Amino acid sequence: MQIQDDLPGPVPGSTSTGDEPSSPESKSTGEDRASSQEHTKQAKEDAPLRESASSSSNSSATGTSKKEAEQSENIEESIVYWQGKDEVSDQLEVTKETLTQVMGLGESFDVDFREMAFGGRKTGLLFINSFAKDNIIQEIIKRLTYLTPESLSSGAVDAFFSCYIPHMQVEKIDKLSSVLNKVLTGNSALFIEGENTAIVMDTRTFPVRGPEEPSLERVVRGARDGFTETLLSNVALIRRRLRDPGLKFEVLQVGRRTRMDVSIAYIDDIVDKIQVESIRTKIKAIDIDGIPLADKQLEEAVVGKGWNPYPLVRYSERPDVVASHLLEGRLVLLVDTSPSAMILPTTFFDLCQHAEENRQTATMGTYLRWVRFCGILASLFLLPLWLLMVVHPELKPPALSFIGPQAQAKIPLIMQFLLVEFGVDLMRMAAVHTPTPLASAMGLIAAILVGDIAVKTGLFVNEVVLYMAVAAIGMFATPSYELGLANRLIRLFLLVAVAIFGAPGLVGGVTLFILLLTIRRSYNSSYLWPFIPFNAKALLSVLIRVPVLYAKQRPSFNKTRDNTRLKVKKEK
């Protein structure tokens, strides 16, 4: 037999047999034969390993291509894609493989799957370590160590659930997608070998700041707490003020990927149930990948106001304001991660009211309300009226003859107004992004450049800067930030209309403005109520801050089921 030192078998193409004599040149010694047989044996032993490695490589490549080919739109589809069905598997290895593909187990450092054995049964604890509260999980694990095989004779899940998990908020879930959704919100899930049910425990804790007074709704006297970015904390702040058993908080999830918690709050025996059902249906019908910007995106998806600049919901960060609107029969939407609550339906006049008016006496509250109304009207119509009187001095009454620029500037008046408008907007945006220590310096620079140098160089006239400052103060005095921005846009529109068309432009612009507000509806409620449709009694309560004991009924436009606020004692 012909042997080569570096080959473990016969030379390819050789036809010699073991009986043939060997030539002197190819003669092998006994040691060479032993070495050859050793090589052959080793090659046969290595063959299955090479096949296994090749199979593993092909499997890995197939798994990679399968992962790249996945186009699931939600977690349910993803689980079905990898596991075949949306159920908790009774095998931990199958569950672990599904978690690897769906949740990134082993890739995301914050996704943890702790495998342990209790009572002779293998278990796996799935949790997000950035949400998990360590002391609660340690207490649960400590109690589970007392399990014995005899304790599990009647069923592992029932024994774990009923006796050995010392926690209040625990539930059994058999759908894997529901389990993962719970885990992604901060819960922990316990999987048990041989069981098709997982035990989900509420062990979450969120990074949260303390309740602080909202910067946009400050009051001289009153509560200093405001909403935070945690839904549960916001619900507690409302519950603290409304201890009514009829107060309901329904929770829905919005977004295929974000699964954002949205709560619908209302008082069951006061609110219009048709509005509740309409809101609930619209939220459930939202089919979007997510709403990471929380309440604003939810508003656009539910209210659907399109390009209308005026807000159709009222935002508030004060729990006392929200509680008072709930007592009026309104709906409130709370979105997790947002420190604001959406109140609807709302009206234009609701957006003009502030909590400070109700923290003072009725007389002072009425005075403050009128001052605020005057500021809002000035922010809308002061500049267009002044420009009209300057462009057409024949329209000025003799008593207002002093109105008008005493000197001419190098830039036309309309351009001066537009430049100052844009300058104020730039300063407002810069103030938001400027650190607090530099804010005063920025204000000083803006005052010197815009208020003094621009006038001295002849670019602006004094009256333009003066009236623009009054209009800006009126805008900043508007309680609703969104309403103030919308009024600024209308003011720009009226200024351009007056500059182009004069008096007809102002009349037509105001008419279109009122028509725009009239045709808008906030959930089947008139936006200009009680002015349109006219309701004298309700309009009086808008213009005057009525004392509490005089407000015996709730606003009628809410269509409340119980319209009485103050019960009248029956005479015996």
Protein backbone atom coordinates (compact mmCIF):
# COMPACT_ATOMS: atom_id res chain seq x y z
CA MET A 1 0.00 0.00 0.00
CA GLN A 2 1.38 3.34 -1.03
CA ILE A 3 1.45 5.94 1.81
CA GLN A 4 2.31 9.65 1.86
CA ASP A 5 3.43 11.21 5.11
CA ASP A 6 1.13 14.22 4.86
CA LEU A 7 -2.02 12.38 3.68
CA PRO A 8 -4.13 10.15 5.93
CA GLY A 9 -5.09 7.70 3.19
CA PRO A 10 -4.04 6.24 -0.12
CA VAL A 11 -2.82 8.44 -2.90
CA PRO A 12 -5.73 9.52 -5.11
CA GLY A 13 -5.86 7.46 -8.29
CA SER A 14 -3.91 4.51 -6.84
CA THR A 15 -5.36 1.03 -7.51
CA SER A 16 -2.94 -1.02 -5.49
CA THR A 17 -4.24 -3.38 -2.79
CA GLY A 18 -2.72 -4.53 0.45
CA ASP A 19 -1.64 -7.87 -1.15
CA GLU A 20 0.57 -6.25 -3.75
CA PRO A 21 4.26 -6.06 -3.00
CA SER A 22 5.67 -2.64 -2.47
CA SER A 23 8.51 -1.20 -4.42
CA PRO A 24 11.67 -0.34 -2.49
CA GLU A 25 11.09 3.38 -3.07
CA SER A 26 7.56 3.34 -1.57
CA LYS A 27 8.09 0.86 1.22
CA SER A 28 6.70 1.97 4.61
CA THR A 29 7.84 1.00 8.00
CA GLY A 30 5.50 -0.19 10.78
CA GLU A 31 5.68 3.22 12.41
CA ASP A 32 4.57 4.89 9.20
CA ARG A 33 1.56 2.56 8.98
CA ALA A 34 0.60 3.31 12.57
CA SER A 35 0.92 7.03 11.92
CA SER A 36 -1.22 6.72 8.79
CA GLN A 37 -3.94 4.85 10.62
CA GLU A 38 -3.87 7.51 13.37
CA HIS A 39 -4.34 10.26 10.81
CA THR A 40 -7.23 8.42 9.21
CA LYS A 41 -8.95 7.89 12.55
CA GLN A 42 -8.53 11.56 13.51
CA ALA A 43 -9.94 12.68 10.18
CA LYS A 44 -13.02 10.52 10.68
CA GLU A 45 -13.51 11.98 14.18
CA ASP A 46 -13.12 15.57 12.92
CA ALA A 47 -15.62 15.12 10.07
CA PRO A 48 -18.78 15.46 12.24
CA LEU A 49 -17.31 18.54 13.90
CA ARG A 50 -16.68 20.17 10.53
CA GLU A 51 -20.22 19.32 9.43
CA SER A 52 -21.60 20.74 12.69
CA ALA A 53 -19.63 23.94 12.28
CA SER A 54 -20.77 24.25 8.67
CA SER A 55 -24.38 23.64 9.76
CA SER A 56 -24.05 26.21 12.53
CA SER A 57 -22.60 28.73 10.10
CA ASN A 58 -25.44 28.15 7.65
CA SER A 59 -27.98 28.41 10.49
CA SER A 60 -26.46 31.67 11.68
CA ALA A 61 -26.56 33.07 8.17
CA THR A 62 -30.16 31.96 7.80
CA GLY A 63 -31.10 33.54 11.15
CA THR A 64 -29.45 36.80 10.14
CA SER A 65 -31.25 36.92 6.82
CA LYS A 66 -34.51 36.06 8.59
CA LYS A 67 -34.01 38.90 11.04
CA GLU A 68 -33.26 41.32 8.22
CA ALA A 69 -36.34 40.15 6.33
CA GLU A 70 -38.70 40.74 9.28
CA GLN A 71 -41.18 43.54 8.65
CA SER A 72 -43.45 43.29 11.68
CA GLU A 73 -45.46 46.41 12.52
CA ASN A 74 -46.13 45.50 16.14
CA ILE A 75 -44.91 43.19 18.84
CA GLU A 76 -47.67 40.61 18.24
CA GLU A 77 -46.64 40.12 14.62
CA SER A 78 -42.98 39.89 15.62
CA ILE A 79 -43.65 37.13 18.16
CA VAL A 80 -45.73 35.16 15.67
CA TYR A 81 -42.96 35.59 13.10
CA TRP A 82 -40.31 34.08 15.37
CA GLN A 83 -42.30 31.68 17.54
CA GLY A 84 -45.24 30.70 15.34
CA LYS A 85 -47.90 31.71 17.89
CA ASP A 86 -48.48 34.47 20.40
CA GLU A 87 -48.45 32.32 23.52
CA VAL A 88 -46.06 31.82 26.41
CA SER A 89 -44.01 28.72 25.66
CA ASP A 90 -43.61 26.03 28.31
CA GLN A 91 -39.91 25.76 27.40
CA LEU A 92 -37.57 28.43 28.74
CA GLU A 93 -35.11 27.96 25.88
CA VAL A 94 -37.81 28.75 23.33
CA THR A 95 -38.88 31.80 25.32
CA LYS A 96 -35.31 32.96 25.66
CA GLU A 97 -34.70 32.63 21.92
CA THR A 98 -37.87 34.63 21.17
CA LEU A 99 -36.79 37.34 23.61
CA THR A 100 -33.40 37.47 21.92
CA GLN A 101 -34.97 38.17 18.55
CA VAL A 102 -37.89 40.38 19.64
CA MET A 103 -36.51 42.36 22.61
CA GLY A 104 -32.80 42.29 21.86
CA LEU A 105 -31.91 40.13 24.86
CA GLY A 106 -28.13 39.97 24.97
CA GLU A 107 -27.81 43.06 22.74
CA SER A 108 -29.52 45.73 24.87
CA PHE A 109 -27.69 46.04 28.17
CA ASP A 110 -30.81 47.08 30.08
CA VAL A 111 -32.83 43.95 29.15
CA ASP A 112 -32.12 41.24 31.73
CA PHE A 113 -33.28 37.60 31.91
CA ARG A 114 -32.24 36.06 35.23
CA GLU A 115 -32.45 32.28 35.24
CA MET A 116 -32.94 30.59 38.62
CA ALA A 117 -34.43 27.41 40.11
CA PHE A 118 -37.08 27.40 42.83
CA GLY A 119 -38.59 24.22 44.23
CA GLY A 120 -36.78 22.16 41.62
CA ARG A 121 -38.34 24.13 38.73
CA LYS A 122 -36.32 26.27 36.34
CA THR A 123 -37.52 29.86 36.10
CA GLY A 124 -36.55 33.00 34.23
CA LEU A 125 -37.16 36.55 35.51
CA LEU A 126 -37.43 39.14 32.72
CA PHE A 127 -37.14 42.84 33.58
CA ILE A 128 -35.75 46.17 32.39
CA ASN A 129 -33.05 46.99 34.91
CA SER A 130 -33.51 50.75 34.52
CA PHE A 131 -37.15 50.41 35.66
CA ALA A 132 -36.85 47.60 38.20
CA LYS A 133 -37.00 48.43 41.89
CA ASP A 134 -34.26 46.32 43.45
CA ASN A 135 -35.64 45.96 46.96
CA ILE A 136 -39.01 44.62 45.75
CA ILE A 137 -37.42 42.05 43.43
CA GLN A 138 -35.06 40.93 46.19
CA GLU A 139 -37.97 40.41 48.58
CA ILE A 140 -39.81 38.31 45.98
CA ILE A 141 -36.72 36.17 45.26
CA LYS A 142 -36.08 35.73 48.97
CA ARG A 143 -39.62 34.41 49.47
CA LEU A 144 -39.35 32.07 46.49
CA THR A 145 -36.30 30.40 47.96
CA TYR A 146 -38.62 28.80 50.55
CA LEU A 147 -40.31 26.76 47.82
CA THR A 148 -39.96 22.97 47.93
CA PRO A 149 -40.87 20.39 45.26
CA GLU A 150 -43.80 19.30 47.43
CA SER A 151 -45.20 22.84 47.36
CA LEU A 152 -45.55 22.67 43.57
CA SER A 153 -47.50 19.44 43.40
CA SER A 154 -50.80 21.21 42.73
CA GLY A 155 -49.43 23.53 40.04
CA ALA A 156 -46.39 25.76 39.91
CA VAL A 157 -48.14 28.90 38.66
CA ASP A 158 -50.87 28.77 41.31
CA ALA A 159 -48.34 28.14 44.06
CA PHE A 160 -46.11 31.02 42.91
CA PHE A 161 -49.08 33.34 42.40
CA SER A 162 -51.08 32.57 45.53
CA CYS A 163 -48.56 31.81 48.24
CA TYR A 164 -44.99 32.68 47.47
CA ILE A 165 -44.99 36.11 45.78
CA PRO A 166 -45.44 38.71 48.53
CA HIS A 167 -46.58 41.51 46.26
CA MET A 168 -49.92 43.25 45.74
CA GLN A 169 -50.01 43.98 42.01
CA VAL A 170 -49.56 40.54 40.40
CA GLU A 171 -51.38 38.96 37.46
CA LYS A 172 -51.20 35.83 35.30
CA ILE A 173 -50.90 36.30 31.52
CA ASP A 174 -50.71 33.63 28.83
CA LYS A 175 -50.08 35.86 25.80
CA LEU A 176 -46.39 36.61 25.28
CA SER A 177 -47.09 39.94 23.55
CA SER A 178 -49.06 41.15 26.57
CA VAL A 179 -46.25 40.03 28.85
CA LEU A 180 -43.62 41.93 26.85
CA ASN A 181 -45.79 45.05 26.70
CA LYS A 182 -46.07 44.94 30.48
CA VAL A 183 -42.33 44.46 30.86
CA LEU A 184 -41.60 47.39 28.55
CA THR A 185 -43.70 49.60 30.82
CA GLY A 186 -41.52 48.63 33.79
CA ASN A 187 -43.09 45.43 35.14
CA SER A 188 -41.21 42.17 35.75
CA ALA A 189 -42.28 38.79 34.35
CA LEU A 190 -41.54 35.34 35.79
CA PHE A 191 -41.49 32.42 33.33
CA ILE A 192 -41.66 28.85 34.71
CA GLU A 193 -40.40 25.75 32.91
CA GLY A 194 -43.33 23.55 31.88
CA GLU A 195 -45.97 26.30 32.26
CA ASN A 196 -47.77 28.24 29.51
CA THR A 197 -48.48 31.18 31.80
CA ALA A 198 -46.22 33.98 33.00
CA ILE A 199 -46.58 35.87 36.27
CA VAL A 200 -46.29 39.64 35.82
CA MET A 201 -45.38 41.76 38.85
CA ASP A 202 -45.47 45.54 39.17
CA THR A 203 -41.94 46.25 40.38
CA ARG A 204 -41.35 49.44 38.44
CA THR A 205 -40.04 52.78 39.48
CA PHE A 206 -39.59 55.79 37.20
CA PRO A 207 -37.21 58.72 37.36
CA VAL A 208 -39.53 61.53 38.41
CA ARG A 209 -39.19 65.10 39.61
CA GLY A 210 -41.23 66.52 42.44
CA PRO A 211 -44.43 68.49 41.78
CA GLU A 212 -43.55 72.14 41.16
CA GLU A 213 -45.62 75.19 40.38
CA PRO A 214 -46.10 75.53 36.60
CA SER A 215 -44.19 78.47 35.16
CA LEU A 216 -47.04 79.48 32.80
CA GLU A 217 -49.81 79.36 35.42
CA ARG A 218 -48.35 80.96 38.50
CA VAL A 219 -50.66 82.44 41.11
CA VAL A 220 -50.02 84.80 44.01
CA ARG A 221 -52.05 82.65 46.38
CA GLY A 222 -52.88 79.04 45.82
CA ALA A 223 -51.39 75.58 45.45
CA ARG A 224 -47.79 75.29 44.37
CA ASP A 225 -47.94 71.75 43.03
CA GLY A 226 -48.17 70.94 39.33
CA PHE A 227 -48.23 67.92 37.11
CA THR A 228 -45.09 65.91 36.44
CA GLU A 229 -44.06 63.54 33.64
CA THR A 230 -45.42 60.46 35.46
CA LEU A 231 -49.04 59.52 34.76
CA LEU A 232 -49.61 57.87 38.15
CA SER A 233 -48.41 60.96 40.02
CA ASN A 234 -50.74 63.19 37.99
CA VAL A 235 -53.70 60.93 38.70
CA ALA A 236 -52.88 61.09 42.42
CA LEU A 237 -52.80 64.91 42.34
CA ILE A 238 -56.31 64.97 40.83
CA ARG A 239 -57.63 62.29 43.18
CA ARG A 240 -56.40 64.33 46.12
CA ARG A 241 -58.76 67.13 45.10
CA LEU A 242 -61.68 65.06 43.84
CA ARG A 243 -62.66 62.28 46.22
CA ASP A 244 -65.69 61.43 44.16
CA PRO A 245 -66.28 57.70 43.55
CA GLY A 246 -67.68 58.65 40.16
CA LEU A 247 -64.28 59.94 39.02
CA LYS A 248 -62.99 57.47 36.41
CA PHE A 249 -59.57 57.11 34.81
CA GLU A 250 -59.63 54.86 31.76
CA VAL A 251 -56.27 53.83 30.32
CA LEU A 252 -55.61 53.14 26.63
CA GLN A 253 -52.36 52.62 24.75
CA VAL A 254 -51.49 54.55 21.61
CA GLY A 255 -48.78 53.70 19.10
CA ARG A 256 -47.64 50.37 17.73
CA ARG A 257 -44.12 50.97 18.97
CA THR A 258 -44.39 53.54 21.78
CA ARG A 259 -47.44 51.96 23.49
CA MET A 260 -47.93 55.30 25.23
CA ASP A 261 -50.39 55.24 28.13
CA VAL A 262 -53.29 57.66 27.65
CA SER A 263 -55.86 58.18 30.39
CA ILE A 264 -59.38 59.53 29.87
CA ALA A 265 -60.58 61.23 33.06
CA TYR A 266 -64.21 62.19 33.75
CA ILE A 267 -66.87 62.13 36.45
CA ASP A 268 -69.24 59.38 35.42
CA ASP A 269 -72.55 60.86 36.59
CA ILE A 270 -71.82 64.38 35.25
CA VAL A 271 -70.10 64.02 31.89
CA ASP A 272 -71.84 63.55 28.56
CA LYS A 273 -71.40 59.84 27.79
CA ILE A 274 -71.61 60.47 24.04
CA GLN A 275 -68.47 62.61 24.22
CA VAL A 276 -66.68 59.96 26.27
CA GLU A 277 -67.52 57.26 23.76
CA SER A 278 -66.48 59.49 20.85
CA ILE A 279 -63.09 60.22 22.43
CA ARG A 280 -62.56 56.57 23.33
CA THR A 281 -63.38 55.43 19.79
CA LYS A 282 -61.06 57.99 18.19
CA ILE A 283 -58.15 57.08 20.45
CA LYS A 284 -58.59 53.37 19.77
CA ALA A 285 -58.73 54.06 16.02
CA ILE A 286 -55.32 55.80 16.00
CA ASP A 287 -52.98 53.64 13.91
CA ILE A 288 -49.55 55.21 14.14
CA ASP A 289 -46.10 53.95 15.06
CA GLY A 290 -45.93 56.19 18.11
CA ILE A 291 -46.50 59.55 19.78
CA PRO A 292 -43.15 60.38 21.39
CA LEU A 293 -44.19 64.05 21.65
CA ALA A 294 -47.10 62.93 23.84
CA ASP A 295 -50.10 65.23 24.22
CA LYS A 296 -49.55 67.49 21.19
CA GLN A 297 -49.42 64.59 18.75
CA LEU A 298 -52.43 63.02 20.47
CA GLU A 299 -54.34 66.28 20.06
CA GLU A 300 -53.65 66.36 16.33
CA ALA A 301 -54.69 62.72 15.98
CA VAL A 302 -57.91 63.05 18.01
CA VAL A 303 -59.13 66.60 17.39
CA GLY A 304 -57.87 66.83 13.81
CA LYS A 305 -57.96 70.60 13.50
CA GLY A 306 -55.72 70.64 10.41
CA TRP A 307 -54.21 74.05 9.67
CA ASN A 308 -56.44 75.97 12.07
CA PRO A 309 -54.08 78.04 14.28
CA TYR A 310 -56.49 78.28 17.23
CA PRO A 311 -56.32 75.64 19.96
CA LEU A 312 -59.43 73.47 20.29
CA VAL A 313 -58.31 72.05 23.64
CA ARG A 314 -57.03 73.75 26.75
CA TYR A 315 -53.72 72.74 28.27
CA SER A 316 -53.14 73.03 31.98
CA GLU A 317 -50.40 71.94 34.34
CA ARG A 318 -52.39 72.75 37.47
CA PRO A 319 -54.34 69.90 39.13
CA ASP A 320 -56.78 72.36 40.76
CA VAL A 321 -57.71 73.79 37.36
CA VAL A 322 -58.23 70.29 35.97
CA ALA A 323 -60.37 69.32 38.97
CA SER A 324 -62.60 72.37 38.52
CA HIS A 325 -63.14 71.56 34.84
CA LEU A 326 -63.98 67.95 35.67
CA LEU A 327 -66.68 69.25 38.02
CA GLU A 328 -68.06 71.27 35.12
CA GLY A 329 -68.50 68.09 33.10
CA ARG A 330 -65.41 68.30 30.90
CA LEU A 331 -63.19 65.49 29.67
CA VAL A 332 -59.50 65.43 30.52
CA LEU A 333 -56.81 63.52 28.65
CA LEU A 334 -53.59 62.67 30.48
CA VAL A 335 -50.60 61.29 28.57
CA ASP A 336 -47.70 59.56 30.25
CA THR A 337 -44.39 61.51 30.01
CA SER A 338 -46.30 64.82 29.64
CA PRO A 339 -46.73 67.35 32.47
CA SER A 340 -49.82 68.85 30.81
CA ALA A 341 -53.46 67.80 30.78
CA MET A 342 -55.78 68.36 27.82
CA ILE A 343 -59.21 69.72 28.72
CA LEU A 344 -62.04 69.45 26.20
CA PRO A 345 -64.36 70.70 24.94
CA THR A 346 -63.19 74.27 25.38
CA THR A 347 -64.11 77.72 24.11
CA PHE A 348 -62.29 80.89 23.17
CA PHE A 349 -63.34 82.52 26.44
CA ASP A 350 -62.16 79.53 28.50
CA LEU A 351 -58.69 80.11 27.12
CA CYS A 352 -58.82 83.72 28.31
CA GLN A 353 -59.39 82.84 31.98
CA HIS A 354 -56.74 82.28 34.63
CA ALA A 355 -56.67 80.58 38.02
CA GLU A 356 -55.60 83.84 39.69
CA GLU A 357 -59.06 85.34 39.07
CA ASN A 358 -60.65 82.62 41.22
CA ARG A 359 -58.06 83.04 43.99
CA GLN A 360 -59.18 86.63 44.66
CA THR A 361 -62.50 88.12 45.72
CA ALA A 362 -65.26 88.33 43.14
CA THR A 363 -64.71 92.07 42.68
CA MET A 364 -60.95 91.82 42.23
CA GLY A 365 -61.35 88.70 40.10
CA THR A 366 -63.69 90.60 37.78
CA TYR A 367 -61.23 93.50 37.56
CA LEU A 368 -58.33 91.18 36.74
CA ARG A 369 -60.45 89.43 34.12
CA TRP A 370 -61.32 92.72 32.42
CA VAL A 371 -57.68 93.83 32.43
CA ARG A 372 -56.77 90.53 30.82
CA PHE A 373 -59.51 90.89 28.20
CA CYS A 374 -58.25 94.39 27.38
CA GLY A 375 -54.72 93.09 26.97
CA ILE A 376 -55.88 90.32 24.62
CA LEU A 377 -57.91 92.81 22.53
CA ALA A 378 -54.91 95.16 22.40
CA SER A 379 -52.66 92.33 21.22
CA LEU A 380 -55.11 91.73 18.35
CA PHE A 381 -56.39 95.11 17.18
CA LEU A 382 -54.21 97.92 18.57
CA LEU A 383 -51.54 97.84 15.85
CA PRO A 384 -53.92 97.48 12.86
CA LEU A 385 -56.11 100.34 14.16
CA TRP A 386 -53.14 102.64 14.68
CA LEU A 387 -51.75 101.83 11.24
CA LEU A 388 -55.17 102.53 9.68
CA MET A 389 -55.37 105.97 11.35
CA VAL A 390 -51.87 106.83 10.19
CA VAL A 391 -52.45 105.72 6.60
CA HIS A 392 -55.91 107.36 6.50
CA PRO A 393 -55.81 110.36 8.86
CA GLU A 394 -59.27 111.44 7.73
CA LEU A 395 -60.69 108.53 9.74
CA LYS A 396 -59.30 109.86 13.01
CA PRO A 397 -61.80 111.57 15.30
CA PRO A 398 -60.71 115.04 16.55
CA ALA A 399 -60.16 113.68 20.05
CA LEU A 400 -57.46 111.35 18.69
CA SER A 401 -55.62 113.91 16.61
CA PHE A 402 -52.45 113.38 18.66
CA ILE A 403 -52.15 109.82 17.33
CA GLY A 404 -49.62 109.40 14.58
CA PRO A 405 -45.88 109.46 14.03
CA GLN A 406 -44.37 112.82 14.83
CA ALA A 407 -41.43 112.09 12.53
CA GLN A 408 -40.88 110.02 9.42
CA ALA A 409 -38.52 107.06 9.30
CA LYS A 410 -36.46 105.59 6.50
CA ILE A 411 -38.51 102.37 6.41
CA PRO A 412 -42.24 102.19 5.59
CA LEU A 413 -44.53 101.66 8.58
CA ILE A 414 -45.68 98.19 7.55
CA MET A 415 -42.08 97.05 7.21
CA GLN A 416 -41.30 98.51 10.63
CA PHE A 417 -44.14 96.51 12.17
CA LEU A 418 -43.09 93.31 10.45
CA LEU A 419 -39.45 93.73 11.49
CA VAL A 420 -40.40 94.45 15.10
CA GLU A 421 -42.80 91.46 15.12
CA PHE A 422 -40.08 89.14 13.91
CA GLY A 423 -37.61 90.72 16.33
CA VAL A 424 -39.91 90.08 19.30
CA ASP A 425 -40.38 86.48 18.16
CA LEU A 426 -36.62 86.03 17.90
CA MET A 427 -36.13 87.45 21.39
CA ARG A 428 -38.84 85.19 22.77
CA MET A 429 -37.24 82.10 21.22
CA ALA A 430 -33.79 83.21 22.33
CA ALA A 431 -35.06 83.66 25.89
CA VAL A 432 -36.27 80.06 25.92
CA HIS A 433 -32.86 78.73 24.88
CA THR A 434 -30.77 81.19 26.88
CA PRO A 435 -29.39 80.03 30.25
CA THR A 436 -30.90 81.90 33.18
CA PRO A 437 -27.68 83.79 34.16
CA LEU A 438 -27.49 85.22 30.63
CA ALA A 439 -31.19 86.09 30.24
CA SER A 440 -30.88 89.54 31.81
CA ALA A 441 -27.88 90.36 29.61
CA MET A 442 -29.83 89.32 26.52
CA GLY A 443 -32.78 91.50 27.55
CA LEU A 444 -30.48 94.48 28.07
CA ILE A 445 -28.91 94.02 24.63
CA ALA A 446 -32.33 93.68 22.98
CA ALA A 447 -33.64 96.83 24.72
CA ILE A 448 -30.63 98.89 23.69
CA LEU A 449 -30.51 97.67 20.09
CA VAL A 450 -34.22 97.64 19.31
CA GLY A 451 -35.59 100.27 21.65
CA ASP A 452 -32.96 102.96 21.49
CA ILE A 453 -30.46 102.66 18.66
CA ALA A 454 -33.06 101.68 16.04
CA VAL A 455 -35.05 104.85 16.83
CA LYS A 456 -32.02 107.15 16.98
CA THR A 457 -30.72 105.97 13.63
CA GLY A 458 -34.10 106.73 12.03
CA LEU A 459 -35.00 103.18 11.14
CA PHE A 460 -38.06 103.07 13.44
CA VAL A 461 -40.38 105.70 14.88
CA ASN A 462 -41.09 105.86 18.60
CA GLU A 463 -44.77 105.05 18.27
CA VAL A 464 -44.10 101.75 16.47
CA VAL A 465 -41.89 100.53 19.29
CA LEU A 466 -44.36 101.78 21.93
CA TYR A 467 -47.47 100.15 20.47
CA MET A 468 -45.60 96.99 19.63
CA ALA A 469 -44.51 96.74 23.27
CA VAL A 470 -48.12 97.16 24.45
CA ALA A 471 -49.31 94.46 22.01
CA ALA A 472 -46.51 92.11 23.14
CA ILE A 473 -47.45 92.63 26.79
CA GLY A 474 -51.07 91.78 25.92
CA MET A 475 -49.91 88.62 24.20
CA PHE A 476 -47.79 87.56 27.17
CA ALA A 477 -50.74 88.25 29.49
CA THR A 478 -52.86 85.72 27.58
CA PRO A 479 -53.29 82.70 29.91
CA SER A 480 -53.12 80.19 27.04
CA TYR A 481 -49.73 80.15 25.35
CA GLU A 482 -51.24 78.59 22.22
CA LEU A 483 -53.95 81.27 22.05
CA GLY A 484 -51.34 84.03 22.32
CA LEU A 485 -49.38 82.62 19.36
CA ALA A 486 -52.56 82.30 17.27
CA ASN A 487 -53.54 85.90 18.06
CA ARG A 488 -50.12 87.06 16.90
CA LEU A 489 -50.66 85.37 13.54
CA ILE A 490 -54.05 87.07 13.16
CA ARG A 491 -52.46 90.43 14.06
CA LEU A 492 -49.92 90.01 11.27
CA PHE A 493 -52.73 89.16 8.85
CA LEU A 494 -54.70 92.29 9.85
CA LEU A 495 -51.61 94.51 9.53
CA VAL A 496 -50.98 93.31 5.97
CA ALA A 497 -54.68 93.68 5.09
CA VAL A 498 -54.73 97.29 6.35
CA ALA A 499 -51.49 98.15 4.53
CA ILE A 500 -52.89 96.82 1.24
CA PHE A 501 -56.63 97.60 1.36
CA GLY A 502 -56.99 100.21 4.11
CA ALA A 503 -60.31 100.36 5.98
CA PRO A 504 -61.99 97.64 3.86
CA GLY A 505 -59.04 95.40 4.63
CA LEU A 506 -59.52 95.85 8.39
CA VAL A 507 -63.29 95.28 8.20
CA GLY A 508 -62.90 92.24 5.96
CA GLY A 509 -60.07 90.82 8.05
CA VAL A 510 -62.02 91.13 11.32
CA THR A 511 -65.07 89.59 9.65
CA LEU A 512 -63.04 86.63 8.42
CA PHE A 513 -61.49 86.29 11.86
CA ILE A 514 -64.87 86.08 13.60
CA LEU A 515 -66.16 83.74 10.89
CA LEU A 516 -63.14 81.49 11.42
CA LEU A 517 -63.85 81.24 15.13
CA THR A 518 -67.58 80.77 14.57
CA ILE A 519 -67.33 77.77 12.25
CA ARG A 520 -64.82 76.02 14.50
CA ARG A 521 -66.23 73.46 16.92
CA SER A 522 -64.56 71.83 19.87
CA TYR A 523 -66.17 68.42 20.02
CA ASN A 524 -69.58 69.49 18.82
CA SER A 525 -69.51 72.62 20.98
CA SER A 526 -69.43 76.16 19.63
CA TYR A 527 -66.00 77.73 19.95
CA LEU A 528 -67.44 81.22 20.64
CA TRP A 529 -70.07 80.11 23.15
CA PRO A 530 -71.78 81.95 24.88
CA PHE A 531 -71.36 84.80 22.38
CA ILE A 532 -72.34 82.64 19.41
CA PRO A 533 -74.89 81.15 19.99
CA PHE A 534 -75.85 83.95 22.34
CA ASN A 535 -76.56 83.09 25.96
CA ALA A 536 -76.91 86.22 28.10
CA LYS A 537 -76.67 84.51 31.48
CA ALA A 538 -73.63 82.46 30.53
CA LEU A 539 -71.97 85.49 28.88
CA LEU A 540 -72.43 87.44 32.10
CA SER A 541 -70.61 84.69 34.02
CA VAL A 542 -67.77 84.95 31.50
CA LEU A 543 -67.42 88.71 31.81
CA ILE A 544 -67.89 88.77 35.58
CA ARG A 545 -66.26 86.44 38.07
CA VAL A 546 -69.39 85.17 39.79
CA PRO A 547 -69.15 84.27 43.50
CA VAL A 548 -69.14 80.54 44.18
CA LEU A 549 -72.55 80.38 45.84
CA TYR A 550 -74.16 82.27 42.93
CA ALA A 551 -72.97 79.73 40.33
CA LYS A 552 -75.76 77.20 40.83
CA GLN A 553 -75.55 75.43 37.48
CA ARG A 554 -72.82 73.99 35.28
CA PRO A 555 -72.17 75.46 31.80
CA SER A 556 -74.88 74.20 29.46
CA PHE A 557 -72.64 73.75 26.43
CA ASN A 558 -70.99 70.74 28.14
CA LYS A 559 -74.30 68.85 27.85
CA THR A 560 -73.86 67.47 31.35
CA ARG A 561 -76.11 64.78 32.74
CA ASP A 562 -76.29 66.55 36.12
CA ASN A 563 -76.52 70.29 35.52
CA THR A 564 -76.92 71.35 39.16
CA ARG A 565 -73.92 72.47 41.17
CA LEU A 566 -75.59 73.90 44.25
CA LYS A 567 -78.37 71.86 45.77
CA VAL A 568 -81.39 73.87 46.91
CA LYS A 569 -82.75 72.82 50.29
CA LYS A 570 -86.36 71.74 50.16
CA GLU A 571 -88.72 73.39 52.59
CA LYS A 572 -90.51 71.06 54.97
